[in-house]
Structures are given as structure tokens and as C-alpha cells.
Amino acid sequence: DNDKGSCTLAPGFTYRFEWHVWSQYNK
């Protein structure tokens, strides 16, 4: 949800963001 964070990435590696969103509301 409403969050902040950080992490260290090792050089030369691949990563990905994967996100999931859902709501039962109209907007």
C-alpha cells in the first residue's frame, strides 16, 4: 500500500518489480 523502502542491488544482475493491485471499490 502506502510504503517506502530501499535495498542494495548487486552489479551485473537482473531484477524485476512485480506488483499486484486489487479493489472492490468503484475507483
PDB file of all heavy atoms in Angstrom:
ATOM      1  N   ASP A   1       0.822  -1.212   0.000  1.00  0.00           N
ATOM      2  CA  ASP A   1       0.000   0.000   0.000  1.00  0.00           C
ATOM      3  C   ASP A   1       0.861   1.269   0.000  1.00  0.00           C
ATOM      4  O   ASP A   1       1.626   1.473  -0.923  1.00  0.00           O
ATOM      5  CB  ASP A   1      -1.005  -0.019   1.144  1.00  0.00           C
ATOM      6  CG  ASP A   1      -2.037  -1.140   0.968  1.00  0.00           C
ATOM      7  OD1 ASP A   1      -2.296  -1.526  -0.183  1.00  0.00           O
ATOM      8  OD2 ASP A   1      -2.565  -1.619   1.979  1.00  0.00           O
ATOM      9  N   ASN A   2       0.732   2.121   1.006  1.00  0.00           N
ATOM     10  CA  ASN A   2       1.485   3.377   1.083  1.00  0.00           C
ATOM     11  C   ASN A   2       2.754   3.116   1.891  1.00  0.00           C
ATOM     12  O   ASN A   2       2.733   3.098   3.115  1.00  0.00           O
ATOM     13  CB  ASN A   2       0.623   4.461   1.748  1.00  0.00           C
ATOM     14  CG  ASN A   2      -0.639   4.711   0.966  1.00  0.00           C
ATOM     15  OD1 ASN A   2      -0.595   5.080  -0.200  1.00  0.00           O
ATOM     16  ND2 ASN A   2      -1.777   4.483   1.592  1.00  0.00           N
ATOM     17  N   ASP A   3       3.846   2.909   1.161  1.00  0.00           N
ATOM     18  CA  ASP A   3       5.056   2.418   1.823  1.00  0.00           C
ATOM     19  C   ASP A   3       6.296   3.003   1.137  1.00  0.00           C
ATOM     20  O   ASP A   3       6.221   3.501   0.011  1.00  0.00           O
ATOM     21  CB  ASP A   3       5.089   0.895   1.728  1.00  0.00           C
ATOM     22  CG  ASP A   3       5.843   0.214   2.845  1.00  0.00           C
ATOM     23  OD1 ASP A   3       6.490   0.903   3.653  1.00  0.00           O
ATOM     24  OD2 ASP A   3       5.778  -1.034   2.897  1.00  0.00           O
ATOM     25  N   LYS A   4       7.419   2.942   1.831  1.00  0.00           N
ATOM     26  CA  LYS A   4       8.719   3.337   1.288  1.00  0.00           C
ATOM     27  C   LYS A   4       9.719   2.279   1.694  1.00  0.00           C
ATOM     28  O   LYS A   4       9.616   1.711   2.780  1.00  0.00           O
ATOM     29  CB  LYS A   4       9.178   4.684   1.850  1.00  0.00           C
ATOM     30  CG  LYS A   4       8.371   5.865   1.399  1.00  0.00           C
ATOM     31  CD  LYS A   4       8.928   7.148   1.997  1.00  0.00           C
ATOM     32  CE  LYS A   4       8.075   8.343   1.601  1.00  0.00           C
ATOM     33  NZ  LYS A   4       8.589   9.598   2.162  1.00  0.00           N
ATOM     34  N   GLY A   5      10.684   2.040   0.818  1.00  0.00           N
ATOM     35  CA  GLY A   5      11.720   1.076   1.162  1.00  0.00           C
ATOM     36  C   GLY A   5      12.898   1.207   0.229  1.00  0.00           C
ATOM     37  O   GLY A   5      12.837   1.897  -0.787  1.00  0.00           O
ATOM     38  N   SER A   6      13.976   0.528   0.587  1.00  0.00           N
ATOM     39  CA  SER A   6      15.171   0.533  -0.246  1.00  0.00           C
ATOM     40  C   SER A   6      15.918  -0.776  -0.053  1.00  0.00           C
ATOM     41  O   SER A   6      15.729  -1.474   0.949  1.00  0.00           O
ATOM     42  CB  SER A   6      16.071   1.718   0.093  1.00  0.00           C
ATOM     43  OG  SER A   6      16.563   1.601   1.404  1.00  0.00           O
ATOM     44  N   CYS A   7      16.752  -1.096  -1.020  1.00  0.00           N
ATOM     45  CA  CYS A   7      17.616  -2.266  -0.912  1.00  0.00           C
ATOM     46  C   CYS A   7      18.828  -2.053  -1.807  1.00  0.00           C
ATOM     47  O   CYS A   7      18.820  -1.206  -2.702  1.00  0.00           O
ATOM     48  CB  CYS A   7      16.883  -3.558  -1.245  1.00  0.00           C
ATOM     49  SG  CYS A   7      16.225  -3.663  -2.913  1.00  0.00           S
ATOM     50  N   THR A   8      19.852  -2.832  -1.566  1.00  0.00           N
ATOM     51  CA  THR A   8      21.075  -2.751  -2.348  1.00  0.00           C
ATOM     52  C   THR A   8      21.020  -3.782  -3.462  1.00  0.00           C
ATOM     53  O   THR A   8      20.665  -4.944  -3.230  1.00  0.00           O
ATOM     54  CB  THR A   8      22.303  -3.008  -1.456  1.00  0.00           C
ATOM     55  OG1 THR A   8      22.313  -2.018  -0.421  1.00  0.00           O
ATOM     56  CG2 THR A   8      23.586  -2.925  -2.241  1.00  0.00           C
ATOM     57  N   LEU A   9      21.369  -3.341  -4.676  1.00  0.00           N
ATOM     58  CA  LEU A   9      21.381  -4.216  -5.842  1.00  0.00           C
ATOM     59  C   LEU A   9      22.824  -4.544  -6.197  1.00  0.00           C
ATOM     60  O   LEU A   9      23.668  -3.652  -6.266  1.00  0.00           O
ATOM     61  CB  LEU A   9      20.705  -3.534  -7.029  1.00  0.00           C
ATOM     62  CG  LEU A   9      19.281  -3.028  -6.806  1.00  0.00           C
ATOM     63  CD1 LEU A   9      18.788  -2.283  -8.043  1.00  0.00           C
ATOM     64  CD2 LEU A   9      18.350  -4.171  -6.453  1.00  0.00           C
ATOM     65  N   ALA A  10      23.108  -5.815  -6.418  1.00  0.00           N
ATOM     66  CA  ALA A  10      24.452  -6.232  -6.808  1.00  0.00           C
ATOM     67  C   ALA A  10      24.672  -5.931  -8.288  1.00  0.00           C
ATOM     68  O   ALA A  10      23.776  -6.155  -9.105  1.00  0.00           O
ATOM     69  CB  ALA A  10      24.630  -7.721  -6.538  1.00  0.00           C
ATOM     70  N   PRO A  11      25.827  -5.394  -8.656  1.00  0.00           N
ATOM     71  CA  PRO A  11      26.073  -5.050 -10.052  1.00  0.00           C
ATOM     72  C   PRO A  11      26.077  -6.279 -10.966  1.00  0.00           C
ATOM     73  O   PRO A  11      26.538  -7.345 -10.576  1.00  0.00           O
ATOM     74  CB  PRO A  11      27.449  -4.386 -10.037  1.00  0.00           C
ATOM     75  CG  PRO A  11      27.968  -4.457  -8.659  1.00  0.00           C
ATOM     76  CD  PRO A  11      26.940  -5.077  -7.787  1.00  0.00           C
ATOM     77  N   GLY A  12      25.528  -6.103 -12.165  1.00  0.00           N
ATOM     78  CA  GLY A  12      25.553  -7.151 -13.172  1.00  0.00           C
ATOM     79  C   GLY A  12      24.461  -8.198 -13.055  1.00  0.00           C
ATOM     80  O   GLY A  12      24.468  -9.185 -13.786  1.00  0.00           O
ATOM     81  N   PHE A  13      23.504  -8.004 -12.182  1.00  0.00           N
ATOM     82  CA  PHE A  13      22.418  -8.963 -12.009  1.00  0.00           C
ATOM     83  C   PHE A  13      21.114  -8.397 -12.559  1.00  0.00           C
ATOM     84  O   PHE A  13      20.969  -7.194 -12.727  1.00  0.00           O
ATOM     85  CB  PHE A  13      22.236  -9.320 -10.520  1.00  0.00           C
ATOM     86  CG  PHE A  13      23.313 -10.210  -9.993  1.00  0.00           C
ATOM     87  CD1 PHE A  13      24.484  -9.670  -9.483  1.00  0.00           C
ATOM     88  CD2 PHE A  13      23.172 -11.582 -10.026  1.00  0.00           C
ATOM     89  CE1 PHE A  13      25.499 -10.484  -8.999  1.00  0.00           C
ATOM     90  CE2 PHE A  13      24.172 -12.409  -9.546  1.00  0.00           C
ATOM     91  CZ  PHE A  13      25.347 -11.856  -9.028  1.00  0.00           C
ATOM     92  N   THR A  14      20.175  -9.286 -12.822  1.00  0.00           N
ATOM     93  CA  THR A  14      18.861  -8.855 -13.292  1.00  0.00           C
ATOM     94  C   THR A  14      17.867  -8.948 -12.144  1.00  0.00           C
ATOM     95  O   THR A  14      17.978  -9.815 -11.270  1.00  0.00           O
ATOM     96  CB  THR A  14      18.366  -9.708 -14.477  1.00  0.00           C
ATOM     97  OG1 THR A  14      18.315 -11.077 -14.083  1.00  0.00           O
ATOM     98  CG2 THR A  14      19.275  -9.558 -15.680  1.00  0.00           C
ATOM     99  N   TYR A  15      16.904  -8.056 -12.175  1.00  0.00           N
ATOM    100  CA  TYR A  15      15.860  -7.965 -11.155  1.00  0.00           C
ATOM    101  C   TYR A  15      14.551  -7.651 -11.862  1.00  0.00           C
ATOM    102  O   TYR A  15      14.525  -7.355 -13.053  1.00  0.00           O
ATOM    103  CB  TYR A  15      16.166  -6.824 -10.172  1.00  0.00           C
ATOM    104  CG  TYR A  15      17.459  -7.000  -9.425  1.00  0.00           C
ATOM    105  CD1 TYR A  15      18.659  -6.531  -9.959  1.00  0.00           C
ATOM    106  CD2 TYR A  15      17.478  -7.623  -8.191  1.00  0.00           C
ATOM    107  CE1 TYR A  15      19.854  -6.688  -9.263  1.00  0.00           C
ATOM    108  CE2 TYR A  15      18.662  -7.772  -7.495  1.00  0.00           C
ATOM    109  CZ  TYR A  15      19.845  -7.311  -8.038  1.00  0.00           C
ATOM    110  OH  TYR A  15      21.009  -7.467  -7.351  1.00  0.00           O
ATOM    111  N   ARG A  16      13.485  -7.682 -11.107  1.00  0.00           N
ATOM    112  CA  ARG A  16      12.215  -7.196 -11.640  1.00  0.00           C
ATOM    113  C   ARG A  16      11.333  -6.707 -10.508  1.00  0.00           C
ATOM    114  O   ARG A  16      11.422  -7.189  -9.377  1.00  0.00           O
ATOM    115  CB  ARG A  16      11.505  -8.241 -12.482  1.00  0.00           C
ATOM    116  CG  ARG A  16      10.769  -9.306 -11.725  1.00  0.00           C
ATOM    117  CD  ARG A  16       9.987 -10.229 -12.677  1.00  0.00           C
ATOM    118  NE  ARG A  16       9.184 -11.170 -11.956  1.00  0.00           N
ATOM    119  CZ  ARG A  16       9.605 -12.363 -11.541  1.00  0.00           C
ATOM    120  NH1 ARG A  16      10.840 -12.755 -11.793  1.00  0.00           N
ATOM    121  NH2 ARG A  16       8.811 -13.164 -10.870  1.00  0.00           N
ATOM    122  N   PHE A  17      10.512  -5.702 -10.853  1.00  0.00           N
ATOM    123  CA  PHE A  17       9.390  -5.328 -10.000  1.00  0.00           C
ATOM    124  C   PHE A  17       8.219  -6.199 -10.422  1.00  0.00           C
ATOM    125  O   PHE A  17       7.997  -6.408 -11.618  1.00  0.00           O
ATOM    126  CB  PHE A  17       8.968  -3.872 -10.217  1.00  0.00           C
ATOM    127  CG  PHE A  17       9.970  -2.846  -9.798  1.00  0.00           C
ATOM    128  CD1 PHE A  17      10.001  -1.617 -10.437  1.00  0.00           C
ATOM    129  CD2 PHE A  17      10.859  -3.060  -8.769  1.00  0.00           C
ATOM    130  CE1 PHE A  17      10.898  -0.635 -10.067  1.00  0.00           C
ATOM    131  CE2 PHE A  17      11.762  -2.090  -8.384  1.00  0.00           C
ATOM    132  CZ  PHE A  17      11.780  -0.876  -9.041  1.00  0.00           C
ATOM    133  N   GLU A  18       7.460  -6.652  -9.459  1.00  0.00           N
ATOM    134  CA  GLU A  18       6.207  -7.347  -9.751  1.00  0.00           C
ATOM    135  C   GLU A  18       5.171  -6.770  -8.797  1.00  0.00           C
ATOM    136  O   GLU A  18       5.401  -6.763  -7.591  1.00  0.00           O
ATOM    137  CB  GLU A  18       6.364  -8.849  -9.542  1.00  0.00           C
ATOM    138  CG  GLU A  18       5.113  -9.635  -9.891  1.00  0.00           C
ATOM    139  CD  GLU A  18       5.331 -11.128  -9.750  1.00  0.00           C
ATOM    140  OE1 GLU A  18       6.138 -11.686 -10.530  1.00  0.00           O
ATOM    141  OE2 GLU A  18       4.714 -11.720  -8.839  1.00  0.00           O
ATOM    142  N   TRP A  19       4.076  -6.245  -9.352  1.00  0.00           N
ATOM    143  CA  TRP A  19       3.076  -5.652  -8.488  1.00  0.00           C
ATOM    144  C   TRP A  19       1.710  -6.255  -8.737  1.00  0.00           C
ATOM    145  O   TRP A  19       1.399  -6.712  -9.825  1.00  0.00           O
ATOM    146  CB  TRP A  19       3.052  -4.128  -8.621  1.00  0.00           C
ATOM    147  CG  TRP A  19       2.764  -3.590  -9.986  1.00  0.00           C
ATOM    148  CD1 TRP A  19       1.541  -3.320 -10.525  1.00  0.00           C
ATOM    149  CD2 TRP A  19       3.715  -3.227 -10.990  1.00  0.00           C
ATOM    150  NE1 TRP A  19       1.670  -2.812 -11.796  1.00  0.00           N
ATOM    151  CE2 TRP A  19       3.001  -2.742 -12.095  1.00  0.00           C
ATOM    152  CE3 TRP A  19       5.106  -3.257 -11.062  1.00  0.00           C
ATOM    153  CZ2 TRP A  19       3.630  -2.312 -13.268  1.00  0.00           C
ATOM    154  CZ3 TRP A  19       5.718  -2.830 -12.216  1.00  0.00           C
ATOM    155  CH2 TRP A  19       4.975  -2.361 -13.294  1.00  0.00           C
ATOM    156  N   HIS A  20       0.931  -6.267  -7.666  1.00  0.00           N
ATOM    157  CA  HIS A  20      -0.432  -6.795  -7.681  1.00  0.00           C
ATOM    158  C   HIS A  20      -1.325  -5.706  -7.090  1.00  0.00           C
ATOM    159  O   HIS A  20      -1.018  -5.166  -6.028  1.00  0.00           O
ATOM    160  CB  HIS A  20      -0.531  -8.056  -6.818  1.00  0.00           C
ATOM    161  CG  HIS A  20       0.402  -9.138  -7.251  1.00  0.00           C
ATOM    162  ND1 HIS A  20      -0.027 -10.247  -7.909  1.00  0.00           N
ATOM    163  CD2 HIS A  20       1.755  -9.265  -7.141  1.00  0.00           C
ATOM    164  CE1 HIS A  20       1.005 -11.023  -8.181  1.00  0.00           C
ATOM    165  NE2 HIS A  20       2.099 -10.445  -7.726  1.00  0.00           N
ATOM    166  N   VAL A  21      -2.407  -5.383  -7.785  1.00  0.00           N
ATOM    167  CA  VAL A  21      -3.369  -4.388  -7.296  1.00  0.00           C
ATOM    168  C   VAL A  21      -4.766  -4.986  -7.353  1.00  0.00           C
ATOM    169  O   VAL A  21      -5.078  -5.784  -8.233  1.00  0.00           O
ATOM    170  CB  VAL A  21      -3.304  -3.058  -8.100  1.00  0.00           C
ATOM    171  CG1 VAL A  21      -1.959  -2.382  -7.930  1.00  0.00           C
ATOM    172  CG2 VAL A  21      -3.597  -3.277  -9.564  1.00  0.00           C
ATOM    173  N   TRP A  22      -5.605  -4.602  -6.394  1.00  0.00           N
ATOM    174  CA  TRP A  22      -6.983  -5.065  -6.389  1.00  0.00           C
ATOM    175  C   TRP A  22      -7.833  -4.160  -5.508  1.00  0.00           C
ATOM    176  O   TRP A  22      -7.341  -3.530  -4.581  1.00  0.00           O
ATOM    177  CB  TRP A  22      -7.076  -6.516  -5.928  1.00  0.00           C
ATOM    178  CG  TRP A  22      -6.655  -6.744  -4.504  1.00  0.00           C
ATOM    179  CD1 TRP A  22      -7.460  -6.823  -3.406  1.00  0.00           C
ATOM    180  CD2 TRP A  22      -5.322  -6.918  -4.015  1.00  0.00           C
ATOM    181  NE1 TRP A  22      -6.711  -7.027  -2.272  1.00  0.00           N
ATOM    182  CE2 TRP A  22      -5.396  -7.093  -2.619  1.00  0.00           C
ATOM    183  CE3 TRP A  22      -4.062  -6.942  -4.615  1.00  0.00           C
ATOM    184  CZ2 TRP A  22      -4.272  -7.296  -1.832  1.00  0.00           C
ATOM    185  CZ3 TRP A  22      -2.944  -7.133  -3.810  1.00  0.00           C
ATOM    186  CH2 TRP A  22      -3.070  -7.312  -2.448  1.00  0.00           C
ATOM    187  N   SER A  23      -9.121  -4.112  -5.845  1.00  0.00           N
ATOM    188  CA  SER A  23     -10.063  -3.326  -5.051  1.00  0.00           C
ATOM    189  C   SER A  23     -11.481  -3.759  -5.373  1.00  0.00           C
ATOM    190  O   SER A  23     -11.788  -4.100  -6.511  1.00  0.00           O
ATOM    191  CB  SER A  23      -9.903  -1.831  -5.346  1.00  0.00           C
ATOM    192  OG  SER A  23     -10.882  -1.094  -4.632  1.00  0.00           O
ATOM    193  N   GLN A  24     -12.314  -3.696  -4.377  1.00  0.00           N
ATOM    194  CA  GLN A  24     -13.741  -3.959  -4.572  1.00  0.00           C
ATOM    195  C   GLN A  24     -14.525  -2.664  -4.768  1.00  0.00           C
ATOM    196  O   GLN A  24     -15.724  -2.688  -5.012  1.00  0.00           O
ATOM    197  CB  GLN A  24     -14.301  -4.719  -3.386  1.00  0.00           C
ATOM    198  CG  GLN A  24     -14.255  -3.929  -2.084  1.00  0.00           C
ATOM    199  CD  GLN A  24     -14.729  -4.726  -0.891  1.00  0.00           C
ATOM    200  OE1 GLN A  24     -15.188  -5.851  -1.036  1.00  0.00           O
ATOM    201  NE2 GLN A  24     -14.631  -4.155   0.280  1.00  0.00           N
ATOM    202  N   TYR A  25     -13.840  -1.532  -4.666  1.00  0.00           N
ATOM    203  CA  TYR A  25     -14.499  -0.239  -4.779  1.00  0.00           C
ATOM    204  C   TYR A  25     -14.613   0.191  -6.237  1.00  0.00           C
ATOM    205  O   TYR A  25     -13.975  -0.373  -7.118  1.00  0.00           O
ATOM    206  CB  TYR A  25     -13.754   0.820  -3.965  1.00  0.00           C
ATOM    207  CG  TYR A  25     -13.656   0.462  -2.511  1.00  0.00           C
ATOM    208  CD1 TYR A  25     -12.458   0.063  -1.961  1.00  0.00           C
ATOM    209  CD2 TYR A  25     -14.783   0.488  -1.694  1.00  0.00           C
ATOM    210  CE1 TYR A  25     -12.373  -0.293  -0.626  1.00  0.00           C
ATOM    211  CE2 TYR A  25     -14.701   0.146  -0.360  1.00  0.00           C
ATOM    212  CZ  TYR A  25     -13.501  -0.250   0.170  1.00  0.00           C
ATOM    213  OH  TYR A  25     -13.418  -0.603   1.483  1.00  0.00           O
ATOM    214  N   ASN A  26     -15.408   1.238  -6.475  1.00  0.00           N
ATOM    215  CA  ASN A  26     -15.622   1.687  -7.839  1.00  0.00           C
ATOM    216  C   ASN A  26     -14.444   2.444  -8.424  1.00  0.00           C
ATOM    217  O   ASN A  26     -14.319   2.533  -9.632  1.00  0.00           O
ATOM    218  CB  ASN A  26     -16.871   2.559  -7.928  1.00  0.00           C
ATOM    219  CG  ASN A  26     -18.131   1.714  -7.855  1.00  0.00           C
ATOM    220  OD1 ASN A  26     -18.103   0.544  -8.195  1.00  0.00           O
ATOM    221  ND2 ASN A  26     -19.221   2.299  -7.419  1.00  0.00           N
ATOM    222  N   LYS A  27     -13.579   3.009  -7.608  1.00  0.00           N
ATOM    223  CA  LYS A  27     -12.433   3.742  -8.135  1.00  0.00           C
ATOM    224  C   LYS A  27     -11.263   3.599  -7.181  1.00  0.00           C
ATOM    225  O   LYS A  27     -11.424   3.759  -5.975  1.00  0.00           O
ATOM    226  CB  LYS A  27     -12.774   5.220  -8.323  1.00  0.00           C
ATOM    227  CG  LYS A  27     -11.685   6.011  -9.002  1.00  0.00           C
ATOM    228  CD  LYS A  27     -12.135   7.436  -9.285  1.00  0.00           C
ATOM    229  CE  LYS A  27     -11.040   8.186 -10.015  1.00  0.00           C
ATOM    230  NZ  LYS A  27     -11.428   9.574 -10.295  1.00  0.00           N
TER     231      LYS A  27
END
